[in-house]
């Protein structure tokens, strides 16, 4: 596990000390992890949207291709 240094205002630190039962390091780790998960979901949705759009475009091109299909010559 990696350590980071966090700077906070003196007043905030004083208030935090008033709640010594809270494991602040664990709290901050959880908040950072949750935020990263939210950001990854947004990023994933954007990627999916672009990929879906590109796939749809390729499917449309294929479906709307008016080239003669030689298989119909044998019917």
N, C-alpha and C. Protein backbone atom coordinates (compact mmCIF):
# COMPACT_ATOMS: atom_id res chain seq x y z
N UNK A 1 0.85 -1.18 0.00
CA UNK A 1 0.00 0.00 0.00
C UNK A 1 0.90 1.24 0.00
N UNK A 2 0.49 2.24 -0.73
CA UNK A 2 1.23 3.48 -0.85
C UNK A 2 0.70 4.51 0.14
N UNK A 3 1.58 5.34 0.65
CA UNK A 3 1.18 6.43 1.55
C UNK A 3 1.13 7.74 0.78
N UNK A 4 0.19 8.59 1.17
CA UNK A 4 0.12 9.95 0.62
C UNK A 4 0.05 10.92 1.78
N UNK A 5 0.42 12.15 1.52
CA UNK A 5 0.33 13.21 2.52
C UNK A 5 -0.82 14.13 2.13
N UNK A 6 -1.62 14.47 3.10
CA UNK A 6 -2.80 15.29 2.86
C UNK A 6 -2.74 16.53 3.74
N UNK A 7 -2.91 17.68 3.14
CA UNK A 7 -2.93 18.92 3.91
C UNK A 7 -4.38 19.36 4.12
N UNK A 8 -4.70 19.70 5.36
CA UNK A 8 -6.03 20.21 5.67
C UNK A 8 -5.89 21.42 6.58
N UNK A 9 -6.94 22.21 6.62
CA UNK A 9 -6.92 23.41 7.45
C UNK A 9 -6.88 23.02 8.93
N UNK A 10 -6.27 23.86 9.70
CA UNK A 10 -6.13 23.63 11.14
C UNK A 10 -7.49 23.43 11.81
N UNK A 11 -8.47 24.23 11.44
CA UNK A 11 -9.81 24.14 12.02
C UNK A 11 -10.45 22.78 11.72
N UNK A 12 -10.28 22.30 10.50
CA UNK A 12 -10.82 20.99 10.13
C UNK A 12 -10.15 19.90 10.96
N UNK A 13 -8.84 19.99 11.10
CA UNK A 13 -8.11 19.00 11.88
C UNK A 13 -8.58 19.00 13.34
N UNK A 14 -8.80 20.18 13.88
CA UNK A 14 -9.26 20.29 15.26
C UNK A 14 -10.62 19.59 15.43
N UNK A 15 -11.52 19.80 14.47
CA UNK A 15 -12.83 19.16 14.53
C UNK A 15 -12.71 17.65 14.36
N UNK A 16 -11.82 17.22 13.50
CA UNK A 16 -11.61 15.78 13.29
C UNK A 16 -11.18 15.10 14.59
N UNK A 17 -10.30 15.78 15.33
CA UNK A 17 -9.81 15.22 16.60
C UNK A 17 -10.94 15.04 17.59
N UNK A 18 -12.00 15.80 17.44
CA UNK A 18 -13.17 15.66 18.31
C UNK A 18 -13.94 14.36 18.05
N UNK A 19 -13.64 13.71 16.95
CA UNK A 19 -14.27 12.44 16.60
C UNK A 19 -13.19 11.37 16.46
N UNK A 20 -12.48 11.14 17.54
CA UNK A 20 -11.32 10.23 17.49
C UNK A 20 -11.73 8.78 17.25
N UNK A 21 -13.02 8.47 17.41
CA UNK A 21 -13.46 7.10 17.15
C UNK A 21 -13.48 6.78 15.65
N UNK A 22 -13.46 7.81 14.82
CA UNK A 22 -13.46 7.61 13.37
C UNK A 22 -12.03 7.39 12.90
N UNK A 23 -11.84 6.35 12.10
CA UNK A 23 -10.53 6.10 11.49
C UNK A 23 -10.48 6.92 10.21
N UNK A 24 -9.92 8.12 10.32
CA UNK A 24 -9.95 9.07 9.22
C UNK A 24 -9.20 8.57 7.99
N UNK A 25 -8.13 7.85 8.19
CA UNK A 25 -7.40 7.31 7.03
C UNK A 25 -8.28 6.36 6.24
N UNK A 26 -8.99 5.51 6.96
CA UNK A 26 -9.89 4.56 6.29
C UNK A 26 -11.03 5.30 5.59
N UNK A 27 -11.54 6.33 6.24
CA UNK A 27 -12.60 7.13 5.66
C UNK A 27 -12.15 7.76 4.33
N UNK A 28 -10.97 8.38 4.34
CA UNK A 28 -10.45 9.03 3.14
C UNK A 28 -10.18 8.00 2.04
N UNK A 29 -9.63 6.83 2.42
CA UNK A 29 -9.40 5.76 1.43
C UNK A 29 -10.71 5.37 0.75
N UNK A 30 -11.76 5.21 1.55
CA UNK A 30 -13.06 4.80 1.00
C UNK A 30 -13.63 5.88 0.08
N UNK A 31 -13.54 7.12 0.48
CA UNK A 31 -14.07 8.21 -0.34
C UNK A 31 -13.33 8.28 -1.68
N UNK A 32 -12.02 8.15 -1.65
CA UNK A 32 -11.23 8.18 -2.89
C UNK A 32 -11.60 7.00 -3.78
N UNK A 33 -11.70 5.81 -3.19
CA UNK A 33 -12.06 4.62 -3.96
C UNK A 33 -13.44 4.77 -4.59
N UNK A 34 -14.41 5.26 -3.82
CA UNK A 34 -15.77 5.45 -4.35
C UNK A 34 -15.78 6.44 -5.50
N UNK A 35 -15.04 7.52 -5.36
CA UNK A 35 -15.00 8.54 -6.42
C UNK A 35 -14.38 7.97 -7.69
N UNK A 36 -13.31 7.19 -7.53
CA UNK A 36 -12.66 6.57 -8.69
C UNK A 36 -13.61 5.60 -9.39
N UNK A 37 -14.40 4.85 -8.63
CA UNK A 37 -15.37 3.94 -9.23
C UNK A 37 -16.42 4.72 -10.02
N UNK A 38 -16.88 5.85 -9.48
CA UNK A 38 -17.84 6.70 -10.19
C UNK A 38 -17.24 7.20 -11.49
N UNK A 39 -16.00 7.67 -11.44
CA UNK A 39 -15.35 8.19 -12.63
C UNK A 39 -15.15 7.10 -13.68
N UNK A 40 -14.81 5.89 -13.24
CA UNK A 40 -14.63 4.77 -14.17
C UNK A 40 -15.96 4.41 -14.85
N UNK A 41 -17.06 4.47 -14.10
CA UNK A 41 -18.36 4.19 -14.70
C UNK A 41 -18.69 5.20 -15.78
N UNK A 42 -18.43 6.47 -15.49
CA UNK A 42 -18.69 7.53 -16.47
C UNK A 42 -17.82 7.31 -17.70
N UNK A 43 -16.56 7.03 -17.48
CA UNK A 43 -15.63 6.81 -18.59
C UNK A 43 -16.07 5.60 -19.41
N UNK A 44 -16.50 4.54 -18.73
CA UNK A 44 -16.93 3.32 -19.40
C UNK A 44 -18.19 3.59 -20.23
N UNK A 45 -19.14 4.36 -19.67
CA UNK A 45 -20.37 4.68 -20.40
C UNK A 45 -20.06 5.48 -21.65
N UNK A 46 -19.12 6.43 -21.54
CA UNK A 46 -18.74 7.23 -22.71
C UNK A 46 -18.14 6.34 -23.78
N UNK A 47 -17.25 5.42 -23.38
CA UNK A 47 -16.64 4.50 -24.33
C UNK A 47 -17.69 3.62 -24.98
N UNK A 48 -18.61 3.09 -24.18
CA UNK A 48 -19.65 2.23 -24.72
C UNK A 48 -20.50 2.98 -25.72
N UNK A 49 -20.79 4.23 -25.43
CA UNK A 49 -21.60 5.03 -26.34
C UNK A 49 -20.90 5.22 -27.68
N UNK A 50 -19.63 5.51 -27.65
CA UNK A 50 -18.87 5.70 -28.88
C UNK A 50 -18.76 4.40 -29.64
N UNK A 51 -18.45 3.31 -28.93
CA UNK A 51 -18.32 2.00 -29.58
C UNK A 51 -19.66 1.59 -30.18
N UNK A 52 -20.73 1.77 -29.44
CA UNK A 52 -22.06 1.41 -29.96
C UNK A 52 -22.37 2.20 -31.21
N UNK A 53 -22.04 3.48 -31.18
CA UNK A 53 -22.30 4.33 -32.35
C UNK A 53 -21.51 3.83 -33.55
N UNK A 54 -20.23 3.51 -33.35
CA UNK A 54 -19.41 3.04 -34.45
C UNK A 54 -19.89 1.69 -34.98
N UNK A 55 -20.24 0.80 -34.08
CA UNK A 55 -20.74 -0.51 -34.50
C UNK A 55 -22.04 -0.33 -35.27
N UNK A 56 -22.93 0.50 -34.77
CA UNK A 56 -24.20 0.74 -35.45
C UNK A 56 -23.96 1.29 -36.85
N UNK A 57 -23.01 2.18 -36.97
CA UNK A 57 -22.70 2.77 -38.27
C UNK A 57 -22.21 1.70 -39.24
N UNK A 58 -21.36 0.80 -38.77
CA UNK A 58 -20.85 -0.28 -39.61
C UNK A 58 -21.98 -1.22 -40.01
N UNK A 59 -22.86 -1.53 -39.06
CA UNK A 59 -23.99 -2.41 -39.36
C UNK A 59 -24.90 -1.76 -40.40
N UNK A 60 -25.16 -0.48 -40.23
CA UNK A 60 -26.00 0.22 -41.20
C UNK A 60 -25.38 0.21 -42.59
N UNK A 61 -24.09 0.45 -42.66
CA UNK A 61 -23.43 0.43 -43.96
C UNK A 61 -23.60 -0.93 -44.61
N UNK A 62 -23.40 -1.97 -43.83
CA UNK A 62 -23.52 -3.33 -44.35
C UNK A 62 -24.95 -3.61 -44.79
N UNK A 63 -25.93 -3.25 -43.96
CA UNK A 63 -27.33 -3.52 -44.26
C UNK A 63 -27.83 -2.72 -45.46
N UNK A 64 -27.29 -1.54 -45.67
CA UNK A 64 -27.76 -0.69 -46.75
C UNK A 64 -26.88 -0.76 -47.99
N UNK A 65 -26.00 -1.72 -48.02
CA UNK A 65 -25.15 -1.92 -49.19
C UNK A 65 -26.01 -2.47 -50.32
N UNK A 66 -26.09 -1.77 -51.41
CA UNK A 66 -26.97 -2.16 -52.51
C UNK A 66 -26.26 -2.96 -53.59
N UNK A 67 -25.14 -3.53 -53.27
CA UNK A 67 -24.45 -4.35 -54.25
C UNK A 67 -25.28 -5.60 -54.53
N UNK A 68 -25.32 -6.06 -55.77
CA UNK A 68 -26.08 -7.27 -56.09
C UNK A 68 -25.53 -8.47 -55.32
N UNK A 69 -26.43 -9.30 -54.87
CA UNK A 69 -26.04 -10.51 -54.14
C UNK A 69 -26.18 -11.67 -55.12
N UNK A 70 -25.07 -12.25 -55.48
CA UNK A 70 -25.03 -13.32 -56.48
C UNK A 70 -25.83 -14.55 -56.06
N UNK A 71 -26.05 -14.70 -54.78
CA UNK A 71 -26.81 -15.87 -54.33
C UNK A 71 -28.23 -15.86 -54.88
N UNK A 72 -28.75 -14.67 -55.16
CA UNK A 72 -30.13 -14.59 -55.66
C UNK A 72 -30.21 -15.02 -57.13
N UNK A 73 -29.10 -15.08 -57.83
CA UNK A 73 -29.11 -15.50 -59.23
C UNK A 73 -29.52 -16.96 -59.38
N UNK A 74 -29.30 -17.76 -58.36
CA UNK A 74 -29.58 -19.18 -58.42
C UNK A 74 -30.98 -19.55 -57.97
N UNK A 75 -31.79 -18.58 -57.59
CA UNK A 75 -33.13 -18.85 -57.08
C UNK A 75 -34.11 -18.90 -58.21
